[in-house]
Amino acid sequence: MLALIKKELRSYFNSPIAYIFITVFLVLTGWLFFRSFFIANQASMRDWFSLLPWIFLFLIPAVTMRLWAEEKKLGTFEVLMTLPVKDFEVVLGKFLASFIFLAIALVLTLPIPLIISFLGSPDKGVIFAQYLSALLLGGAYLAIGLFVSSATSNQIIAFILAVSISFFFLIIGEPIVLYVIPSLIAPLFQYLGLGAHFESMGRGVIDSRDFLYYLSMIFLFLFLNMKNIESRKWK
């Protein structure tokens, strides 16, 4: 599995994908945040983290769309599945490689809280919780993207489907959705929403229920990914 993680990380940084993703991510989030930061006049990163669910919605599927689809397109899927590794090790290896890549991108944003700390006195505990929630949210997006990529050999289709599924889970717990559905099932929709748990942790509240939700989402889609791989091997 460690060899697979190294292989996937090398494939990121041996191609323009990693550099394009990181550059677009840093420039886009930095510009959108600082254009209103001095107007708000608050030493807080809440506005920056509020952008992440929507930026991740498009950038992360662009990272995951190739992870399985490219293996099938190049004909290396069969070779990979004949290696002396279990299916869950292959799936977990690809997920961990993409998760490490996402963590690197988030680490490169640390100059932003350093600048804010120089200009004011932000709550460092809240910022820590916000970064933790960003990692968990990103992990959920990655698991969804991996599952979708395993279902098709077309990277464009994998991107569109991953964005659509992620968008569904992002808005399902939003007030605009909860307002129009029956009140009986509104609590269930609110709990299933990726955005609701992200906002909860973004306020600095680290709740075990939010942890459990994100870990469950990641486990569910990695499990579906593994079952999809098993079915393709059988075929």
C-alpha atoms as a PDB file:
ATOM      1  CA  MET A   1       0.000   0.000   0.000  1.00  0.00           C
ATOM      2  CA  LEU A   2       2.900   2.355   0.759  1.00  0.00           C
ATOM      3  CA  ALA A   3       4.248   1.697  -2.735  1.00  0.00           C
ATOM      4  CA  LEU A   4       0.855   2.603  -4.195  1.00  0.00           C
ATOM      5  CA  ILE A   5       0.736   5.835  -2.205  1.00  0.00           C
ATOM      6  CA  LYS A   6       4.209   6.802  -3.483  1.00  0.00           C
ATOM      7  CA  LYS A   7       3.190   5.898  -7.039  1.00  0.00           C
ATOM      8  CA  GLU A   8       0.072   8.077  -6.928  1.00  0.00           C
ATOM      9  CA  LEU A   9       1.901  11.013  -5.351  1.00  0.00           C
ATOM     10  CA  ARG A  10       4.596  10.794  -8.027  1.00  0.00           C
ATOM     11  CA  SER A  11       1.917  10.743 -10.714  1.00  0.00           C
ATOM     12  CA  TYR A  12       0.516  13.986  -9.286  1.00  0.00           C
ATOM     13  CA  PHE A  13       3.797  15.859  -9.181  1.00  0.00           C
ATOM     14  CA  ASN A  14       5.187  14.402 -12.438  1.00  0.00           C
ATOM     15  CA  SER A  15       2.294  16.010 -14.303  1.00  0.00           C
ATOM     16  CA  PRO A  16       0.856  19.549 -14.379  1.00  0.00           C
ATOM     17  CA  ILE A  17      -2.169  18.452 -12.301  1.00  0.00           C
ATOM     18  CA  ALA A  18      -0.603  19.106  -8.893  1.00  0.00           C
ATOM     19  CA  TYR A  19       0.851  22.480  -9.810  1.00  0.00           C
ATOM     20  CA  ILE A  20      -2.319  23.684 -11.543  1.00  0.00           C
ATOM     21  CA  PHE A  21      -4.521  22.552  -8.647  1.00  0.00           C
ATOM     22  CA  ILE A  22      -2.332  24.128  -5.954  1.00  0.00           C
ATOM     23  CA  THR A  23      -1.834  27.371  -7.900  1.00  0.00           C
ATOM     24  CA  VAL A  24      -5.535  27.800  -8.676  1.00  0.00           C
ATOM     25  CA  PHE A  25      -6.487  26.870  -5.106  1.00  0.00           C
ATOM     26  CA  LEU A  26      -4.059  29.322  -3.451  1.00  0.00           C
ATOM     27  CA  VAL A  27      -4.700  32.218  -5.832  1.00  0.00           C
ATOM     28  CA  LEU A  28      -8.483  31.817  -5.883  1.00  0.00           C
ATOM     29  CA  THR A  29      -8.987  31.428  -2.133  1.00  0.00           C
ATOM     30  CA  GLY A  30      -6.435  34.122  -1.288  1.00  0.00           C
ATOM     31  CA  TRP A  31      -7.920  36.661  -3.683  1.00  0.00           C
ATOM     32  CA  LEU A  32     -11.545  36.013  -2.682  1.00  0.00           C
ATOM     33  CA  PHE A  33     -10.652  36.256   1.004  1.00  0.00           C
ATOM     34  CA  PHE A  34      -8.417  39.329   1.049  1.00  0.00           C
ATOM     35  CA  ARG A  35     -10.658  41.359  -1.256  1.00  0.00           C
ATOM     36  CA  SER A  36     -13.089  41.698   1.667  1.00  0.00           C
ATOM     37  CA  PHE A  37     -10.798  41.014   4.641  1.00  0.00           C
ATOM     38  CA  PHE A  38      -9.739  44.625   5.260  1.00  0.00           C
ATOM     39  CA  ILE A  39     -13.300  45.851   4.735  1.00  0.00           C
ATOM     40  CA  ALA A  40     -14.642  43.459   7.389  1.00  0.00           C
ATOM     41  CA  ASN A  41     -11.809  44.542   9.729  1.00  0.00           C
ATOM     42  CA  GLN A  42     -11.922  41.269  11.711  1.00  0.00           C
ATOM     43  CA  ALA A  43      -8.996  38.986  12.580  1.00  0.00           C
ATOM     44  CA  SER A  44     -10.864  35.848  11.551  1.00  0.00           C
ATOM     45  CA  MET A  45     -10.604  33.167   8.846  1.00  0.00           C
ATOM     46  CA  ARG A  46     -14.305  32.303   8.903  1.00  0.00           C
ATOM     47  CA  ASP A  47     -14.904  33.958   5.514  1.00  0.00           C
ATOM     48  CA  TRP A  48     -11.966  32.033   4.021  1.00  0.00           C
ATOM     49  CA  PHE A  49     -13.234  28.691   5.243  1.00  0.00           C
ATOM     50  CA  SER A  50     -16.779  29.486   4.118  1.00  0.00           C
ATOM     51  CA  LEU A  51     -15.425  29.470   0.547  1.00  0.00           C
ATOM     52  CA  LEU A  52     -13.887  25.997   0.798  1.00  0.00           C
ATOM     53  CA  PRO A  53     -16.995  23.800   0.339  1.00  0.00           C
ATOM     54  CA  TRP A  54     -17.701  25.484  -2.996  1.00  0.00           C
ATOM     55  CA  ILE A  55     -14.094  25.605  -4.184  1.00  0.00           C
ATOM     56  CA  PHE A  56     -13.532  21.972  -3.168  1.00  0.00           C
ATOM     57  CA  LEU A  57     -16.746  21.090  -5.015  1.00  0.00           C
ATOM     58  CA  PHE A  58     -15.007  21.667  -8.365  1.00  0.00           C
ATOM     59  CA  LEU A  59     -11.306  21.277  -7.621  1.00  0.00           C
ATOM     60  CA  ILE A  60     -11.369  17.932  -5.793  1.00  0.00           C
ATOM     61  CA  PRO A  61     -13.348  16.068  -8.510  1.00  0.00           C
ATOM     62  CA  ALA A  62     -10.728  17.362 -10.950  1.00  0.00           C
ATOM     63  CA  VAL A  63      -8.097  15.595  -8.846  1.00  0.00           C
ATOM     64  CA  THR A  64      -9.979  12.314  -8.371  1.00  0.00           C
ATOM     65  CA  MET A  65     -11.474  11.910 -11.846  1.00  0.00           C
ATOM     66  CA  ARG A  66      -8.293  10.311 -13.188  1.00  0.00           C
ATOM     67  CA  LEU A  67      -7.464   7.981 -10.291  1.00  0.00           C
ATOM     68  CA  TRP A  68      -9.445   4.988 -11.579  1.00  0.00           C
ATOM     69  CA  ALA A  69     -10.645   6.225 -14.979  1.00  0.00           C
ATOM     70  CA  GLU A  70      -7.082   6.628 -16.235  1.00  0.00           C
ATOM     71  CA  GLU A  71      -6.138   3.115 -15.072  1.00  0.00           C
ATOM     72  CA  LYS A  72      -8.957   1.702 -17.207  1.00  0.00           C
ATOM     73  CA  LYS A  73      -8.235   3.944 -20.178  1.00  0.00           C
ATOM     74  CA  LEU A  74      -4.533   3.001 -20.261  1.00  0.00           C
ATOM     75  CA  GLY A  75      -5.250  -0.670 -19.629  1.00  0.00           C
ATOM     76  CA  THR A  76      -3.270  -0.768 -16.374  1.00  0.00           C
ATOM     77  CA  PHE A  77      -6.294  -1.659 -14.241  1.00  0.00           C
ATOM     78  CA  GLU A  78      -5.879  -5.386 -14.889  1.00  0.00           C
ATOM     79  CA  VAL A  79      -2.156  -5.194 -14.114  1.00  0.00           C
ATOM     80  CA  LEU A  80      -2.811  -3.342 -10.871  1.00  0.00           C
ATOM     81  CA  MET A  81      -5.381  -5.898  -9.759  1.00  0.00           C
ATOM     82  CA  THR A  82      -2.934  -8.786 -10.309  1.00  0.00           C
ATOM     83  CA  LEU A  83      -0.387  -7.329  -7.894  1.00  0.00           C
ATOM     84  CA  PRO A  84      -0.057  -9.039  -4.466  1.00  0.00           C
ATOM     85  CA  VAL A  85      -2.299  -6.512  -2.707  1.00  0.00           C
ATOM     86  CA  LYS A  86      -5.853  -6.724  -1.468  1.00  0.00           C
ATOM     87  CA  ASP A  87      -8.629  -4.643  -3.016  1.00  0.00           C
ATOM     88  CA  PHE A  88      -9.082  -2.511   0.095  1.00  0.00           C
ATOM     89  CA  GLU A  89      -5.335  -1.771   0.134  1.00  0.00           C
ATOM     90  CA  VAL A  90      -5.477  -0.458  -3.435  1.00  0.00           C
ATOM     91  CA  VAL A  91      -8.534   1.688  -2.698  1.00  0.00           C
ATOM     92  CA  LEU A  92      -7.090   2.961   0.578  1.00  0.00           C
ATOM     93  CA  GLY A  93      -3.717   3.637  -1.055  1.00  0.00           C
ATOM     94  CA  LYS A  94      -5.289   5.830  -3.725  1.00  0.00           C
ATOM     95  CA  PHE A  95      -7.418   7.624  -1.133  1.00  0.00           C
ATOM     96  CA  LEU A  96      -4.482   8.299   1.217  1.00  0.00           C
ATOM     97  CA  ALA A  97      -2.328   9.583  -1.646  1.00  0.00           C
ATOM     98  CA  SER A  98      -5.008  12.073  -2.686  1.00  0.00           C
ATOM     99  CA  PHE A  99      -5.639  12.983   0.969  1.00  0.00           C
ATOM    100  CA  ILE A 100      -1.918  13.715   1.503  1.00  0.00           C
ATOM    101  CA  PHE A 101      -1.959  15.832  -1.647  1.00  0.00           C
ATOM    102  CA  LEU A 102      -4.935  17.805  -0.306  1.00  0.00           C
ATOM    103  CA  ALA A 103      -3.192  18.222   3.063  1.00  0.00           C
ATOM    104  CA  ILE A 104      -0.125  19.652   1.275  1.00  0.00           C
ATOM    105  CA  ALA A 105      -2.342  22.198  -0.470  1.00  0.00           C
ATOM    106  CA  LEU A 106      -3.887  23.234   2.871  1.00  0.00           C
ATOM    107  CA  VAL A 107      -0.474  23.482   4.554  1.00  0.00           C
ATOM    108  CA  LEU A 108       0.582  25.949   1.855  1.00  0.00           C
ATOM    109  CA  THR A 109      -2.228  28.263   3.008  1.00  0.00           C
ATOM    110  CA  LEU A 110      -0.681  28.680   6.486  1.00  0.00           C
ATOM    111  CA  PRO A 111       0.794  32.099   5.567  1.00  0.00           C
ATOM    112  CA  ILE A 112      -2.804  33.402   5.682  1.00  0.00           C
ATOM    113  CA  PRO A 113      -3.331  32.770   9.433  1.00  0.00           C
ATOM    114  CA  LEU A 114       0.221  34.029  10.039  1.00  0.00           C
ATOM    115  CA  ILE A 115      -0.629  37.307   8.298  1.00  0.00           C
ATOM    116  CA  ILE A 116      -3.867  37.571  10.273  1.00  0.00           C
ATOM    117  CA  SER A 117      -1.976  36.917  13.526  1.00  0.00           C
ATOM    118  CA  PHE A 118       0.445  39.699  12.628  1.00  0.00           C
ATOM    119  CA  LEU A 119      -2.414  42.126  11.977  1.00  0.00           C
ATOM    120  CA  GLY A 120      -4.647  41.107  14.896  1.00  0.00           C
ATOM    121  CA  SER A 121      -5.379  38.479  17.546  1.00  0.00           C
ATOM    122  CA  PRO A 122      -7.398  35.637  16.014  1.00  0.00           C
ATOM    123  CA  ASP A 123      -8.660  32.687  18.054  1.00  0.00           C
ATOM    124  CA  LYS A 124      -6.084  29.988  17.261  1.00  0.00           C
ATOM    125  CA  GLY A 125      -8.330  27.230  18.623  1.00  0.00           C
ATOM    126  CA  VAL A 126     -11.055  28.159  16.156  1.00  0.00           C
ATOM    127  CA  ILE A 127      -8.556  28.228  13.275  1.00  0.00           C
ATOM    128  CA  PHE A 128      -7.313  24.753  14.251  1.00  0.00           C
ATOM    129  CA  ALA A 129     -10.900  23.429  14.262  1.00  0.00           C
ATOM    130  CA  GLN A 130     -11.517  25.070  10.888  1.00  0.00           C
ATOM    131  CA  TYR A 131      -8.478  23.414   9.319  1.00  0.00           C
ATOM    132  CA  LEU A 132      -9.532  20.081  10.802  1.00  0.00           C
ATOM    133  CA  SER A 133     -13.027  20.474   9.346  1.00  0.00           C
ATOM    134  CA  ALA A 134     -11.489  21.348   5.963  1.00  0.00           C
ATOM    135  CA  LEU A 135      -9.483  18.100   5.993  1.00  0.00           C
ATOM    136  CA  LEU A 136     -12.558  16.056   6.898  1.00  0.00           C
ATOM    137  CA  LEU A 137     -14.719  17.770   4.276  1.00  0.00           C
ATOM    138  CA  GLY A 138     -12.006  17.279   1.675  1.00  0.00           C
ATOM    139  CA  GLY A 139     -11.724  13.616   2.658  1.00  0.00           C
ATOM    140  CA  ALA A 140     -15.461  13.138   2.061  1.00  0.00           C
ATOM    141  CA  TYR A 141     -15.214  14.797  -1.369  1.00  0.00           C
ATOM    142  CA  LEU A 142     -12.202  12.606  -2.217  1.00  0.00           C
ATOM    143  CA  ALA A 143     -14.031   9.405  -1.252  1.00  0.00           C
ATOM    144  CA  ILE A 144     -17.019  10.399  -3.421  1.00  0.00           C
ATOM    145  CA  GLY A 145     -14.739  11.261  -6.335  1.00  0.00           C
ATOM    146  CA  LEU A 146     -12.846   7.968  -6.055  1.00  0.00           C
ATOM    147  CA  PHE A 147     -16.061   5.973  -6.066  1.00  0.00           C
ATOM    148  CA  VAL A 148     -17.367   7.772  -9.152  1.00  0.00           C
ATOM    149  CA  SER A 149     -14.028   7.387 -10.950  1.00  0.00           C
ATOM    150  CA  SER A 150     -14.165   3.630 -10.341  1.00  0.00           C
ATOM    151  CA  ALA A 151     -17.531   3.468 -12.114  1.00  0.00           C
ATOM    152  CA  THR A 152     -16.417   4.910 -15.466  1.00  0.00           C
ATOM    153  CA  SER A 153     -13.415   5.089 -17.769  1.00  0.00           C
ATOM    154  CA  ASN A 154     -14.326   8.586 -18.966  1.00  0.00           C
ATOM    155  CA  GLN A 155     -12.691  11.305 -16.884  1.00  0.00           C
ATOM    156  CA  ILE A 156     -15.164  14.021 -17.952  1.00  0.00           C
ATOM    157  CA  ILE A 157     -18.116  11.884 -16.894  1.00  0.00           C
ATOM    158  CA  ALA A 158     -16.337  11.072 -13.630  1.00  0.00           C
ATOM    159  CA  PHE A 159     -15.835  14.803 -12.986  1.00  0.00           C
ATOM    160  CA  ILE A 160     -19.464  15.738 -13.709  1.00  0.00           C
ATOM    161  CA  LEU A 161     -20.906  12.903 -11.612  1.00  0.00           C
ATOM    162  CA  ALA A 162     -18.552  13.615  -8.693  1.00  0.00           C
ATOM    163  CA  VAL A 163     -19.533  17.296  -8.722  1.00  0.00           C
ATOM    164  CA  SER A 164     -23.228  16.387  -8.875  1.00  0.00           C
ATOM    165  CA  ILE A 165     -23.128  13.882  -5.999  1.00  0.00           C
ATOM    166  CA  SER A 166     -20.966  16.172  -3.865  1.00  0.00           C
ATOM    167  CA  PHE A 167     -23.301  19.098  -4.580  1.00  0.00           C
ATOM    168  CA  PHE A 168     -26.290  16.989  -3.514  1.00  0.00           C
ATOM    169  CA  PHE A 169     -24.721  16.146  -0.158  1.00  0.00           C
ATOM    170  CA  LEU A 170     -23.531  19.733   0.274  1.00  0.00           C
ATOM    171  CA  ILE A 171     -26.912  21.429  -0.130  1.00  0.00           C
ATOM    172  CA  ILE A 172     -29.160  18.728   1.336  1.00  0.00           C
ATOM    173  CA  GLY A 173     -28.772  20.227   4.796  1.00  0.00           C
ATOM    174  CA  GLU A 174     -28.968  23.885   3.742  1.00  0.00           C
ATOM    175  CA  PRO A 175     -31.838  26.056   5.097  1.00  0.00           C
ATOM    176  CA  ILE A 176     -33.236  26.621   1.601  1.00  0.00           C
ATOM    177  CA  VAL A 177     -33.744  22.841   1.244  1.00  0.00           C
ATOM    178  CA  LEU A 178     -34.955  22.255   4.790  1.00  0.00           C
ATOM    179  CA  TYR A 179     -37.572  24.972   4.330  1.00  0.00           C
ATOM    180  CA  VAL A 180     -39.350  23.192   1.460  1.00  0.00           C
ATOM    181  CA  ILE A 181     -39.302  19.586   2.737  1.00  0.00           C
ATOM    182  CA  PRO A 182     -41.650  18.080   5.358  1.00  0.00           C
ATOM    183  CA  SER A 183     -40.584  18.938   8.897  1.00  0.00           C
ATOM    184  CA  LEU A 184     -40.670  15.242   9.806  1.00  0.00           C
ATOM    185  CA  ILE A 185     -37.628  14.415   7.676  1.00  0.00           C
ATOM    186  CA  ALA A 186     -35.888  17.788   7.982  1.00  0.00           C
ATOM    187  CA  PRO A 187     -33.589  16.638  10.867  1.00  0.00           C
ATOM    188  CA  LEU A 188     -32.428  13.671   8.763  1.00  0.00           C
ATOM    189  CA  PHE A 189     -31.640  15.909   5.784  1.00  0.00           C
ATOM    190  CA  GLN A 190     -29.820  18.349   8.051  1.00  0.00           C
ATOM    191  CA  TYR A 191     -27.668  15.566   9.487  1.00  0.00           C
ATOM    192  CA  LEU A 192     -26.819  14.222   6.028  1.00  0.00           C
ATOM    193  CA  GLY A 193     -25.650  17.614   4.774  1.00  0.00           C
ATOM    194  CA  LEU A 194     -21.893  18.038   4.374  1.00  0.00           C
ATOM    195  CA  GLY A 195     -22.178  21.798   4.772  1.00  0.00           C
ATOM    196  CA  ALA A 196     -24.042  21.702   8.106  1.00  0.00           C
ATOM    197  CA  HIS A 197     -21.287  19.692   9.814  1.00  0.00           C
ATOM    198  CA  PHE A 198     -18.604  21.859   8.225  1.00  0.00           C
ATOM    199  CA  GLU A 199     -20.217  25.030   9.556  1.00  0.00           C
ATOM    200  CA  SER A 200     -20.544  23.490  13.026  1.00  0.00           C
ATOM    201  CA  MET A 201     -16.824  22.717  13.241  1.00  0.00           C
ATOM    202  CA  GLY A 202     -16.017  26.014  11.508  1.00  0.00           C
ATOM    203  CA  ARG A 203     -17.370  27.834  14.577  1.00  0.00           C
ATOM    204  CA  GLY A 204     -14.685  26.119  16.651  1.00  0.00           C
ATOM    205  CA  VAL A 205     -16.958  23.401  18.052  1.00  0.00           C
ATOM    206  CA  ILE A 206     -15.295  19.986  17.681  1.00  0.00           C
ATOM    207  CA  ASP A 207     -18.197  17.582  18.135  1.00  0.00           C
ATOM    208  CA  SER A 208     -17.845  13.798  18.032  1.00  0.00           C
ATOM    209  CA  ARG A 209     -21.027  13.642  15.932  1.00  0.00           C
ATOM    210  CA  ASP A 210     -19.360  15.668  13.178  1.00  0.00           C
ATOM    211  CA  PHE A 211     -16.307  13.385  13.313  1.00  0.00           C
ATOM    212  CA  LEU A 212     -18.518  10.311  13.108  1.00  0.00           C
ATOM    213  CA  TYR A 213     -20.461  11.749  10.189  1.00  0.00           C
ATOM    214  CA  TYR A 214     -17.396  12.513   8.070  1.00  0.00           C
ATOM    215  CA  LEU A 215     -15.700   9.209   8.898  1.00  0.00           C
ATOM    216  CA  SER A 216     -18.924   7.385   8.014  1.00  0.00           C
ATOM    217  CA  MET A 217     -19.173   9.198   4.674  1.00  0.00           C
ATOM    218  CA  ILE A 218     -15.557   8.382   3.848  1.00  0.00           C
ATOM    219  CA  PHE A 219     -15.960   4.733   4.877  1.00  0.00           C
ATOM    220  CA  LEU A 220     -19.237   4.372   2.926  1.00  0.00           C
ATOM    221  CA  PHE A 221     -17.880   5.614  -0.386  1.00  0.00           C
ATOM    222  CA  LEU A 222     -14.552   3.774  -0.019  1.00  0.00           C
ATOM    223  CA  PHE A 223     -16.554   0.609   0.694  1.00  0.00           C
ATOM    224  CA  LEU A 224     -18.687   1.208  -2.430  1.00  0.00           C
ATOM    225  CA  ASN A 225     -15.483   1.834  -4.356  1.00  0.00           C
ATOM    226  CA  MET A 226     -14.049  -1.491  -3.198  1.00  0.00           C
ATOM    227  CA  LYS A 227     -17.259  -3.351  -4.111  1.00  0.00           C
ATOM    228  CA  ASN A 228     -17.236  -1.713  -7.526  1.00  0.00           C
ATOM    229  CA  ILE A 229     -13.661  -2.879  -8.097  1.00  0.00           C
ATOM    230  CA  GLU A 230     -14.574  -6.385  -6.981  1.00  0.00           C
ATOM    231  CA  SER A 231     -17.504  -6.513  -9.402  1.00  0.00           C
ATOM    232  CA  ARG A 232     -15.294  -5.382 -12.297  1.00  0.00           C
ATOM    233  CA  LYS A 233     -12.736  -8.075 -11.462  1.00  0.00           C
ATOM    234  CA  TRP A 234     -15.522 -10.669 -11.496  1.00  0.00           C
ATOM    235  CA  LYS A 235     -16.726  -9.452 -14.876  1.00  0.00           C
END
